[in-house]
Amino acid sequence: MRRIQAFRPQREFHGDKRFAGPGFSEAELEIARAAERLARDWGLMPYQASLAWLLFRPGVASAIVGAETVEEITANASAADTTLEQAQIEALTALHGDCTASKLIT
């Protein structure tokens, strides 16, 4: 049985090639960097804060994550048990602006 290799862009973002490439503008990368700094300041991993914020959003019932290993799936699932304080929700919302589902789809 052949093993399928995941596509990996050539550029790197914080050492992880999955988070860089022609699809991300500098403004989007700066939002990601700011969200990462906030999460770490709060003692959270960036994926925990980001997924917890996303799942808190009105109208969001689930999140699709790009996990490639059992460990990544387990780590991402821990976000469901992460409770953000109102100030944390507001800080992440301020970074992302108005990104309602209708804005993302259209």
Protein backbone atom coordinates (compact mmCIF):
# COMPACT_ATOMS: atom_id res chain seq x y z
CA MET A 1 0.00 0.00 0.00
CA ARG A 2 1.40 3.40 -0.99
CA ARG A 3 1.57 6.17 1.52
CA ILE A 4 0.19 9.50 0.31
CA GLN A 5 2.47 12.40 1.15
CA ALA A 6 0.79 15.63 2.24
CA PHE A 7 1.48 18.74 0.18
CA ARG A 8 3.87 21.09 1.94
CA PRO A 9 4.42 24.65 0.72
CA GLN A 10 8.06 25.74 0.50
CA ARG A 11 7.82 28.85 2.69
CA GLU A 12 7.61 28.56 6.46
CA PHE A 13 5.60 30.32 9.19
CA HIS A 14 7.03 29.84 12.67
CA GLY A 15 8.74 26.71 11.44
CA ASP A 16 5.57 25.08 10.13
CA LYS A 17 5.30 25.07 6.36
CA ARG A 18 1.54 24.45 6.45
CA PHE A 19 0.85 28.02 7.54
CA ALA A 20 2.44 29.87 4.65
CA GLY A 21 2.01 30.12 0.95
CA PRO A 22 0.55 32.29 -1.75
CA GLY A 23 -2.96 32.04 -0.26
CA PHE A 24 -2.14 34.18 2.79
CA SER A 25 -1.69 37.93 2.60
CA GLU A 26 0.71 39.75 4.92
CA ALA A 27 -2.32 41.21 6.74
CA GLU A 28 -3.71 37.70 7.34
CA LEU A 29 -0.34 36.48 8.58
CA GLU A 30 -0.14 39.43 10.98
CA ILE A 31 -3.57 38.53 12.40
CA ALA A 32 -2.32 34.96 12.90
CA ARG A 33 0.82 36.22 14.64
CA ALA A 34 -1.21 38.50 16.91
CA ALA A 35 -3.65 35.69 17.77
CA GLU A 36 -0.71 33.43 18.57
CA ARG A 37 0.82 36.04 20.89
CA LEU A 38 -2.50 36.51 22.71
CA ALA A 39 -3.02 32.78 23.14
CA ARG A 40 0.45 32.27 24.55
CA ASP A 41 -0.03 35.25 26.92
CA TRP A 42 -3.17 33.49 28.21
CA GLY A 43 -1.32 30.21 28.71
CA LEU A 44 -3.08 28.53 25.80
CA MET A 45 -1.83 26.96 22.62
CA PRO A 46 -2.84 29.00 19.56
CA TYR A 47 -5.08 26.21 18.23
CA GLN A 48 -6.93 26.03 21.57
CA ALA A 49 -7.70 29.75 21.65
CA SER A 50 -8.58 29.93 17.94
CA LEU A 51 -10.86 26.90 17.91
CA ALA A 52 -12.51 27.86 21.22
CA TRP A 53 -13.20 31.33 19.79
CA LEU A 54 -14.53 29.87 16.54
CA LEU A 55 -16.83 27.42 18.35
CA PHE A 56 -18.14 30.27 20.53
CA ARG A 57 -19.26 32.23 17.44
CA PRO A 58 -23.02 32.35 16.79
CA GLY A 59 -24.10 29.94 14.09
CA VAL A 60 -20.96 27.79 14.27
CA ALA A 61 -21.82 24.20 15.09
CA SER A 62 -18.50 22.57 14.24
CA ALA A 63 -15.03 23.31 12.93
CA ILE A 64 -13.06 21.53 10.25
CA VAL A 65 -9.43 21.20 11.27
CA GLY A 66 -6.42 20.10 9.27
CA ALA A 67 -5.19 17.40 11.62
CA GLU A 68 -2.82 14.84 10.11
CA THR A 69 -2.09 12.65 13.13
CA VAL A 70 -3.96 11.18 16.06
CA GLU A 71 -2.00 13.51 18.33
CA GLU A 72 -3.17 16.56 16.36
CA ILE A 73 -6.78 15.37 16.46
CA THR A 74 -6.55 14.89 20.23
CA ALA A 75 -4.94 18.31 20.69
CA ASN A 76 -7.56 20.04 18.54
CA ALA A 77 -10.37 18.28 20.40
CA SER A 78 -9.14 19.82 23.65
CA ALA A 79 -10.36 23.19 22.36
CA ALA A 80 -13.93 22.02 22.98
CA ASP A 81 -13.09 22.02 26.71
CA THR A 82 -11.44 25.44 26.60
CA THR A 83 -13.52 28.26 28.05
CA LEU A 84 -12.51 31.78 27.07
CA GLU A 85 -13.25 34.77 29.27
CA GLN A 86 -15.29 37.61 27.78
CA ALA A 87 -12.19 39.82 27.47
CA GLN A 88 -10.40 37.07 25.53
CA ILE A 89 -13.35 36.63 23.18
CA GLU A 90 -13.45 40.37 22.60
CA ALA A 91 -9.70 40.53 21.92
CA LEU A 92 -9.86 37.76 19.32
CA THR A 93 -13.00 39.22 17.76
CA ALA A 94 -11.27 42.59 17.45
CA LEU A 95 -8.42 40.91 15.55
CA HIS A 96 -10.72 39.17 13.10
CA GLY A 97 -13.26 41.93 12.63
CA ASP A 98 -16.67 41.05 11.23
CA CYS A 99 -16.12 37.54 9.95
CA THR A 100 -19.63 36.18 10.14
CA ALA A 101 -20.39 33.06 8.16
CA SER A 102 -22.19 35.09 5.50
CA LYS A 103 -19.09 37.25 5.02
CA LEU A 104 -16.85 34.20 4.73
CA ILE A 105 -19.07 32.49 2.18
CA THR A 106 -19.75 35.46 -0.06
